Amino acid sequence: MKKFLSNYKSTIILLAAIIVGAIVGIIFQEKATILSPFGDLFLNLLLVIIIPLIFLTITTSISKMKTPKRLGKIIITIIGVFVFTSIVAVVIRLTFYIFC
């Protein structure tokens, strides 16, 4: 149990925060918008951390490669994943835009 808590501590805290936020939103409804700047700050900090982290992960992985022949395949895979996830995001957004 102790190993489980040490491995999933951040995930448990995040899920607990989501649950607490949902409960606060349900109970206080319109008054809960006072806490909106905290959510905006969290999302902005997350974007500031995640984008450089992805960039550095990709660049260090490419720089540590021993066989440069695989570089083309990896770059094509990376571009494919980005294009696929972008298309999925666009489809989801258009679906909500049309039906909501």
N, C-alpha and C. Protein backbone atom coordinates (compact mmCIF):
# COMPACT_ATOMS: atom_id res chain seq x y z
N MET A 1 0.83 -1.20 0.00
CA MET A 1 0.00 0.00 0.00
C MET A 1 0.87 1.25 0.00
N LYS A 2 1.97 1.21 0.76
CA LYS A 2 2.85 2.37 0.84
C LYS A 2 3.50 2.65 -0.51
N LYS A 3 3.86 1.57 -1.23
CA LYS A 3 4.44 1.74 -2.56
C LYS A 3 3.42 2.32 -3.53
N PHE A 4 2.17 1.88 -3.42
CA PHE A 4 1.11 2.40 -4.27
C PHE A 4 0.94 3.89 -4.06
N LEU A 5 0.91 4.32 -2.79
CA LEU A 5 0.75 5.75 -2.49
C LEU A 5 1.94 6.56 -2.98
N SER A 6 3.14 6.02 -2.84
CA SER A 6 4.31 6.77 -3.29
C SER A 6 4.35 6.87 -4.82
N ASN A 7 3.88 5.85 -5.51
CA ASN A 7 3.88 5.87 -6.98
C ASN A 7 2.80 6.76 -7.55
N TYR A 8 1.64 6.79 -6.93
CA TYR A 8 0.49 7.50 -7.48
C TYR A 8 0.07 8.71 -6.66
N LYS A 9 0.98 9.26 -5.88
CA LYS A 9 0.65 10.39 -5.01
C LYS A 9 0.14 11.59 -5.80
N SER A 10 0.83 11.96 -6.86
CA SER A 10 0.42 13.13 -7.65
C SER A 10 -0.93 12.91 -8.31
N THR A 11 -1.14 11.72 -8.82
CA THR A 11 -2.42 11.40 -9.47
C THR A 11 -3.56 11.44 -8.47
N ILE A 12 -3.35 10.92 -7.28
CA ILE A 12 -4.38 10.93 -6.25
C ILE A 12 -4.70 12.36 -5.83
N ILE A 13 -3.68 13.19 -5.68
CA ILE A 13 -3.90 14.58 -5.30
C ILE A 13 -4.67 15.30 -6.40
N LEU A 14 -4.32 15.05 -7.67
CA LEU A 14 -5.03 15.69 -8.78
C LEU A 14 -6.49 15.27 -8.82
N LEU A 15 -6.76 13.98 -8.67
CA LEU A 15 -8.14 13.51 -8.68
C LEU A 15 -8.93 14.08 -7.50
N ALA A 16 -8.30 14.15 -6.33
CA ALA A 16 -8.97 14.72 -5.16
C ALA A 16 -9.28 16.21 -5.40
N ALA A 17 -8.36 16.93 -6.02
CA ALA A 17 -8.59 18.34 -6.31
C ALA A 17 -9.73 18.52 -7.31
N ILE A 18 -9.82 17.64 -8.29
CA ILE A 18 -10.91 17.70 -9.26
C ILE A 18 -12.25 17.46 -8.56
N ILE A 19 -12.28 16.48 -7.68
CA ILE A 19 -13.51 16.17 -6.95
C ILE A 19 -13.91 17.33 -6.05
N VAL A 20 -12.94 17.89 -5.33
CA VAL A 20 -13.24 19.04 -4.46
C VAL A 20 -13.73 20.22 -5.28
N GLY A 21 -13.10 20.47 -6.43
CA GLY A 21 -13.53 21.56 -7.30
C GLY A 21 -14.94 21.35 -7.82
N ALA A 22 -15.28 20.12 -8.16
CA ALA A 22 -16.64 19.83 -8.64
C ALA A 22 -17.66 20.04 -7.53
N ILE A 23 -17.32 19.61 -6.32
CA ILE A 23 -18.23 19.78 -5.19
C ILE A 23 -18.43 21.26 -4.88
N VAL A 24 -17.33 22.02 -4.90
CA VAL A 24 -17.44 23.47 -4.66
C VAL A 24 -18.30 24.11 -5.74
N GLY A 25 -18.13 23.70 -6.99
CA GLY A 25 -18.93 24.25 -8.08
C GLY A 25 -20.40 23.91 -7.95
N ILE A 26 -20.70 22.70 -7.50
CA ILE A 26 -22.10 22.29 -7.32
C ILE A 26 -22.74 23.04 -6.16
N ILE A 27 -22.02 23.19 -5.08
CA ILE A 27 -22.59 23.82 -3.88
C ILE A 27 -22.72 25.33 -4.06
N PHE A 28 -21.66 25.99 -4.50
CA PHE A 28 -21.66 27.46 -4.55
C PHE A 28 -22.09 28.04 -5.89
N GLN A 29 -22.17 27.25 -6.92
CA GLN A 29 -22.61 27.62 -8.27
C GLN A 29 -21.97 28.92 -8.75
N GLU A 30 -22.72 30.00 -8.86
CA GLU A 30 -22.19 31.25 -9.42
C GLU A 30 -21.12 31.90 -8.54
N LYS A 31 -21.18 31.67 -7.24
CA LYS A 31 -20.19 32.27 -6.34
C LYS A 31 -18.81 31.62 -6.52
N ALA A 32 -18.76 30.44 -7.11
CA ALA A 32 -17.49 29.74 -7.30
C ALA A 32 -16.63 30.38 -8.38
N THR A 33 -17.19 31.30 -9.14
CA THR A 33 -16.40 31.97 -10.18
C THR A 33 -15.32 32.86 -9.59
N ILE A 34 -15.40 33.13 -8.31
CA ILE A 34 -14.35 33.90 -7.63
C ILE A 34 -13.03 33.15 -7.71
N LEU A 35 -13.09 31.82 -7.74
CA LEU A 35 -11.89 30.99 -7.79
C LEU A 35 -11.35 30.81 -9.20
N SER A 36 -11.99 31.40 -10.19
CA SER A 36 -11.59 31.24 -11.59
C SER A 36 -10.14 31.67 -11.86
N PRO A 37 -9.62 32.74 -11.27
CA PRO A 37 -8.22 33.10 -11.53
C PRO A 37 -7.23 32.01 -11.14
N PHE A 38 -7.54 31.24 -10.10
CA PHE A 38 -6.65 30.15 -9.72
C PHE A 38 -6.60 29.07 -10.79
N GLY A 39 -7.75 28.76 -11.36
CA GLY A 39 -7.80 27.78 -12.45
C GLY A 39 -7.07 28.28 -13.68
N ASP A 40 -7.24 29.56 -14.01
CA ASP A 40 -6.53 30.13 -15.15
C ASP A 40 -5.03 30.12 -14.93
N LEU A 41 -4.61 30.45 -13.72
CA LEU A 41 -3.19 30.43 -13.40
C LEU A 41 -2.63 29.02 -13.53
N PHE A 42 -3.36 28.03 -13.04
CA PHE A 42 -2.92 26.65 -13.12
C PHE A 42 -2.76 26.22 -14.58
N LEU A 43 -3.75 26.53 -15.41
CA LEU A 43 -3.68 26.14 -16.82
C LEU A 43 -2.54 26.84 -17.55
N ASN A 44 -2.32 28.11 -17.25
CA ASN A 44 -1.21 28.82 -17.89
C ASN A 44 0.14 28.26 -17.45
N LEU A 45 0.28 27.96 -16.18
CA LEU A 45 1.53 27.35 -15.71
C LEU A 45 1.73 25.97 -16.32
N LEU A 46 0.67 25.23 -16.49
CA LEU A 46 0.75 23.91 -17.10
C LEU A 46 1.23 24.02 -18.54
N LEU A 47 0.70 24.98 -19.29
CA LEU A 47 1.14 25.17 -20.67
C LEU A 47 2.60 25.62 -20.74
N VAL A 48 3.01 26.45 -19.79
CA VAL A 48 4.39 26.92 -19.79
C VAL A 48 5.35 25.77 -19.49
N ILE A 49 4.92 24.79 -18.74
CA ILE A 49 5.78 23.66 -18.39
C ILE A 49 5.72 22.56 -19.45
N ILE A 50 4.54 22.24 -19.95
CA ILE A 50 4.37 21.08 -20.82
C ILE A 50 5.01 21.28 -22.18
N ILE A 51 4.85 22.42 -22.81
CA ILE A 51 5.37 22.62 -24.16
C ILE A 51 6.90 22.53 -24.20
N PRO A 52 7.64 23.21 -23.31
CA PRO A 52 9.09 23.01 -23.33
C PRO A 52 9.49 21.58 -22.95
N LEU A 53 8.73 20.94 -22.08
CA LEU A 53 9.04 19.57 -21.70
C LEU A 53 8.93 18.63 -22.89
N ILE A 54 7.89 18.78 -23.70
CA ILE A 54 7.75 17.95 -24.90
C ILE A 54 8.88 18.23 -25.87
N PHE A 55 9.19 19.51 -26.08
CA PHE A 55 10.28 19.86 -26.99
C PHE A 55 11.60 19.27 -26.53
N LEU A 56 11.92 19.42 -25.26
CA LEU A 56 13.19 18.90 -24.75
C LEU A 56 13.24 17.37 -24.79
N THR A 57 12.12 16.72 -24.54
CA THR A 57 12.09 15.27 -24.60
C THR A 57 12.38 14.78 -26.02
N ILE A 58 11.76 15.40 -26.99
CA ILE A 58 11.99 15.00 -28.38
C ILE A 58 13.42 15.29 -28.81
N THR A 59 13.94 16.47 -28.49
CA THR A 59 15.29 16.82 -28.93
C THR A 59 16.35 15.97 -28.24
N THR A 60 16.20 15.70 -26.95
CA THR A 60 17.20 14.85 -26.29
C THR A 60 17.12 13.41 -26.77
N SER A 61 15.93 12.95 -27.10
CA SER A 61 15.80 11.59 -27.64
C SER A 61 16.49 11.49 -28.99
N ILE A 62 16.34 12.50 -29.81
CA ILE A 62 16.99 12.48 -31.13
C ILE A 62 18.50 12.60 -30.97
N SER A 63 18.95 13.43 -30.05
CA SER A 63 20.40 13.61 -29.89
C SER A 63 21.09 12.38 -29.30
N LYS A 64 20.37 11.55 -28.57
CA LYS A 64 20.96 10.35 -27.97
C LYS A 64 20.88 9.13 -28.87
N MET A 65 20.35 9.30 -30.06
CA MET A 65 20.24 8.17 -30.97
C MET A 65 21.61 7.70 -31.42
N LYS A 66 21.78 6.39 -31.51
CA LYS A 66 23.06 5.83 -31.95
C LYS A 66 23.06 5.59 -33.45
N THR A 67 21.90 5.32 -34.01
CA THR A 67 21.81 5.09 -35.45
C THR A 67 20.95 6.18 -36.08
N PRO A 68 21.56 7.09 -36.83
CA PRO A 68 20.80 8.19 -37.42
C PRO A 68 19.83 7.73 -38.52
N LYS A 69 19.92 6.49 -38.97
CA LYS A 69 19.00 6.00 -40.00
C LYS A 69 17.56 5.99 -39.49
N ARG A 70 17.38 5.81 -38.21
CA ARG A 70 16.03 5.78 -37.64
C ARG A 70 15.43 7.17 -37.49
N LEU A 71 16.22 8.20 -37.67
CA LEU A 71 15.75 9.57 -37.47
C LEU A 71 14.57 9.91 -38.38
N GLY A 72 14.65 9.52 -39.64
CA GLY A 72 13.56 9.80 -40.58
C GLY A 72 12.26 9.14 -40.15
N LYS A 73 12.35 7.89 -39.73
CA LYS A 73 11.16 7.17 -39.28
C LYS A 73 10.57 7.81 -38.03
N ILE A 74 11.42 8.23 -37.12
CA ILE A 74 10.94 8.85 -35.88
C ILE A 74 10.29 10.19 -36.17
N ILE A 75 10.91 10.99 -37.04
CA ILE A 75 10.33 12.29 -37.37
C ILE A 75 8.99 12.13 -38.06
N ILE A 76 8.88 11.16 -38.98
CA ILE A 76 7.60 10.91 -39.65
C ILE A 76 6.55 10.47 -38.63
N THR A 77 6.94 9.63 -37.67
CA THR A 77 6.01 9.19 -36.63
C THR A 77 5.56 10.38 -35.77
N ILE A 78 6.48 11.24 -35.39
CA ILE A 78 6.14 12.41 -34.58
C ILE A 78 5.18 13.33 -35.32
N ILE A 79 5.48 13.60 -36.59
CA ILE A 79 4.60 14.46 -37.39
C ILE A 79 3.24 13.81 -37.55
N GLY A 80 3.22 12.49 -37.76
CA GLY A 80 1.95 11.77 -37.89
C GLY A 80 1.11 11.86 -36.63
N VAL A 81 1.74 11.72 -35.49
CA VAL A 81 1.01 11.81 -34.22
C VAL A 81 0.45 13.22 -34.03
N PHE A 82 1.26 14.25 -34.33
CA PHE A 82 0.78 15.62 -34.19
C PHE A 82 -0.39 15.90 -35.13
N VAL A 83 -0.28 15.44 -36.37
CA VAL A 83 -1.36 15.66 -37.34
C VAL A 83 -2.62 14.92 -36.90
N PHE A 84 -2.45 13.67 -36.47
CA PHE A 84 -3.61 12.88 -36.03
C PHE A 84 -4.31 13.51 -34.84
N THR A 85 -3.54 13.91 -33.83
CA THR A 85 -4.17 14.52 -32.65
C THR A 85 -4.80 15.86 -32.99
N SER A 86 -4.20 16.60 -33.91
CA SER A 86 -4.79 17.87 -34.33
C SER A 86 -6.11 17.64 -35.05
N ILE A 87 -6.17 16.63 -35.91
CA ILE A 87 -7.41 16.32 -36.62
C ILE A 87 -8.49 15.89 -35.64
N VAL A 88 -8.13 15.07 -34.67
CA VAL A 88 -9.10 14.64 -33.67
C VAL A 88 -9.63 15.85 -32.90
N ALA A 89 -8.74 16.77 -32.52
CA ALA A 89 -9.17 17.97 -31.79
C ALA A 89 -10.09 18.83 -32.64
N VAL A 90 -9.79 18.97 -33.92
CA VAL A 90 -10.63 19.77 -34.80
C VAL A 90 -12.00 19.12 -34.98
N VAL A 91 -12.03 17.81 -35.14
CA VAL A 91 -13.30 17.10 -35.30
C VAL A 91 -14.16 17.24 -34.05
N ILE A 92 -13.56 17.09 -32.89
CA ILE A 92 -14.30 17.23 -31.64
C ILE A 92 -14.84 18.65 -31.50
N ARG A 93 -14.01 19.64 -31.82
CA ARG A 93 -14.45 21.03 -31.71
C ARG A 93 -15.58 21.34 -32.69
N LEU A 94 -15.45 20.88 -33.91
CA LEU A 94 -16.52 21.12 -34.89
C LEU A 94 -17.80 20.41 -34.50
N THR A 95 -17.68 19.21 -33.94
CA THR A 95 -18.86 18.48 -33.50
C THR A 95 -19.60 19.26 -32.42
N PHE A 96 -18.86 19.76 -31.44
CA PHE A 96 -19.51 20.54 -30.38
C PHE A 96 -20.04 21.87 -30.90
N TYR A 97 -19.35 22.46 -31.88
CA TYR A 97 -19.79 23.72 -32.44
C TYR A 97 -21.10 23.54 -33.22
N ILE A 98 -21.21 22.44 -33.93
CA ILE A 98 -22.41 22.19 -34.75
C ILE A 98 -23.60 21.79 -33.87
N PHE A 99 -23.38 20.93 -32.91
CA PHE A 99 -24.49 20.35 -32.14
C PHE A 99 -24.83 21.09 -30.85
N CYS A 100 -23.99 22.02 -30.44
CA CYS A 100 -24.28 22.71 -29.17
C CYS A 100 -24.53 24.18 -29.37
